[in-house]
Protein backbone atom coordinates (compact mmCIF):
# COMPACT_ATOMS: atom_id res chain seq x y z
CA ILE A 1 8.80 15.24 10.61
CA GLY A 2 6.18 15.11 8.27
CA CYS A 3 8.11 13.38 5.70
CA ALA A 4 9.37 10.97 8.11
CA ALA A 5 5.98 10.05 9.34
CA ALA A 6 4.78 9.57 5.55
CA PHE A 7 7.62 7.24 5.10
CA ALA A 8 6.82 5.05 8.16
CA GLY A 9 2.96 5.02 7.62
CA THR A 10 3.64 3.81 4.03
CA LEU A 11 6.05 1.29 5.14
CA ALA A 12 3.62 0.14 7.83
CA MET A 13 1.09 -0.24 4.90
CA VAL A 14 2.99 -2.98 3.26
CA PHE A 15 2.33 -5.08 6.30
CA LEU A 16 -1.32 -4.44 6.40
CA THR A 17 -3.46 -7.52 5.27
CA ALA A 18 -7.14 -8.40 5.43
CA GLY A 19 -6.44 -10.17 8.91
CA THR A 20 -4.93 -7.22 10.43
CA SER A 21 -6.71 -6.04 13.77
CA ALA A 22 -8.70 -2.59 13.52
CA VAL A 23 -6.47 -1.16 16.14
CA ALA A 24 -3.12 -1.85 14.12
CA VAL A 25 -5.05 -0.02 10.91
CA LEU A 26 -5.90 2.73 13.14
CA GLY A 27 -2.46 3.31 14.29
CA VAL A 28 -1.30 3.29 10.57
CA MET A 29 -3.79 5.89 9.92
CA ALA A 30 -2.81 7.93 12.62
CA LEU A 31 0.70 7.60 11.53
CA LEU A 32 -0.24 8.55 8.09
CA GLY A 33 -2.30 11.74 9.47
CA ILE A 34 0.84 13.38 10.87
CA PRO A 35 2.07 14.64 7.58
CA ASN A 36 -1.43 16.42 7.25
CA GLY A 37 -0.67 18.18 10.38
CA PHE A 38 2.91 19.19 9.90
CA ASN A 39 3.44 19.75 6.42
CA PRO A 40 1.01 22.73 5.97
CA ILE A 41 2.34 24.36 8.90
CA SER A 42 5.77 24.28 7.34
CA GLU A 43 4.72 25.09 3.74
CA GLN A 44 2.77 28.16 4.96
CA SER A 45 5.48 29.50 7.25
CA THR A 46 8.17 29.10 4.58
CA LEU A 47 5.81 30.88 2.19
CA ALA A 48 5.37 33.95 4.46
CA MET A 49 9.34 34.18 5.10
CA THR A 50 10.33 33.85 1.67
CA VAL A 51 7.87 35.34 -0.73
CA PRO A 52 7.88 39.23 -1.14
CA ARG A 53 4.71 40.78 0.16
CA GLU A 54 3.63 41.88 -3.07
CA HIS A 55 3.80 38.50 -4.45
CA ILE A 56 2.20 36.64 -1.60
CA GLY A 57 -1.27 36.18 -3.06
CA VAL A 58 0.22 34.57 -6.34
CA ALA A 59 2.39 32.38 -4.38
CA SER A 60 -0.44 31.08 -1.92
CA GLY A 61 -2.60 30.49 -5.00
CA LEU A 62 0.23 28.22 -6.41
CA LEU A 63 0.58 26.43 -3.18
CA ARG A 64 -2.91 25.70 -3.03
CA THR A 65 -3.00 24.65 -7.02
CA GLY A 66 0.00 22.33 -6.17
CA GLY A 67 -1.89 20.64 -3.40
CA TYR A 68 -5.11 20.15 -5.80
CA ILE A 69 -2.57 18.55 -8.50
CA GLY A 70 -1.33 16.40 -5.75
CA ALA A 71 -4.84 15.32 -4.33
CA MET A 72 -5.47 14.48 -8.35
CA VAL A 73 -2.35 12.55 -8.84
CA ALA A 74 -3.22 10.64 -5.63
CA SER A 75 -6.86 9.66 -6.75
CA SER A 76 -5.20 8.45 -10.15
CA LEU A 77 -2.68 6.55 -8.34
CA ILE A 78 -5.50 4.75 -6.24
CA GLY A 79 -7.44 4.13 -9.41
CA LEU A 80 -4.61 2.39 -10.97
CA THR A 81 -3.70 0.40 -8.02
CA PHE A 82 -7.10 -0.73 -7.24
CA GLY A 83 -8.60 -0.62 -10.64
CA SER A 84 -12.29 -1.77 -10.88
CA THR A 85 -11.78 -4.83 -8.80
CA ALA A 86 -12.57 -4.87 -4.93
CA ALA A 87 -9.62 -3.70 -2.59
CA ASP A 88 -7.59 -6.62 -1.67
CA ASP A 89 -4.14 -7.09 0.08
CA ARG A 90 -2.20 -7.25 -3.44
CA SER A 91 -3.64 -3.94 -4.58
CA LEU A 92 -3.07 -2.25 -1.19
CA HIS A 93 0.67 -3.54 -0.96
CA ALA A 94 1.07 -2.33 -4.69
CA LEU A 95 -0.02 1.22 -3.58
CA SER A 96 2.08 1.07 -0.52
CA HIS A 97 5.00 0.18 -2.39
CA VAL A 98 4.76 3.32 -4.78
CA LEU A 99 3.83 5.50 -1.80
CA VAL A 100 7.26 4.16 -0.05
CA VAL A 101 9.28 5.25 -2.99
CA LEU A 102 7.73 8.37 -3.16
CA ALA A 103 7.92 9.22 0.60
CA ALA A 104 11.60 8.14 0.39
CA LEU A 105 12.29 10.48 -2.39
CA LEU A 106 10.66 13.42 -0.46
CA ILE A 107 12.86 12.85 2.47
CA THR A 108 16.01 12.69 0.24
CA ILE A 109 14.96 16.19 -1.56
CA ALA A 110 14.53 17.60 1.77
CA LEU A 111 17.70 16.53 3.21
CA VAL A 112 19.70 17.48 0.19
CA ARG A 113 17.76 20.91 0.18
CA ALA A 114 18.74 21.23 3.82
CA TYR A 115 22.61 20.25 3.13
CA VAL A 116 22.73 22.95 0.52
CA HIS A 117 20.98 25.59 2.33
CA ALA A 118 23.68 24.83 5.40
CA ARG A 119 26.55 25.09 3.09
CA ARG A 120 25.30 28.24 1.50
CA PRO A 121 27.32 31.18 2.60
CA LYS A 122 25.46 33.68 5.08
CA PRO A 123 25.22 37.16 3.61
CA GLN A 124 27.55 38.50 6.32
CA GLU A 125 30.08 36.13 5.34
CA MET A 126 29.99 36.91 1.71
CA TYR A 127 31.42 40.50 2.45
CA SER A 128 33.94 39.79 5.03
């Protein structure tokens, strides 16, 4: 759900302009906020289910570190697309095109991972 909302939100950003109504901008912002609600829940649930208890502290630290690195990359991307000029339609669209590609990549990774996981034999099937 989070990756799909990120893709839809970034795709909607492509159509925003300086003349877009505030309601439409708020709608896009709300759509982009959905991943912030869903993704951390699934990340922490996956972490709790898959990491051995004795490694949970290190795994949690690595999860947060990954989040911080992502925030730094996002800040750099915003700086590269907007540069030292005022925000305009061209720079917003450049940013949204990059984000659409990244969101599509995340969806692809999630689907491939789910496909591989579904095809993996279950432990009881391996011994029968």
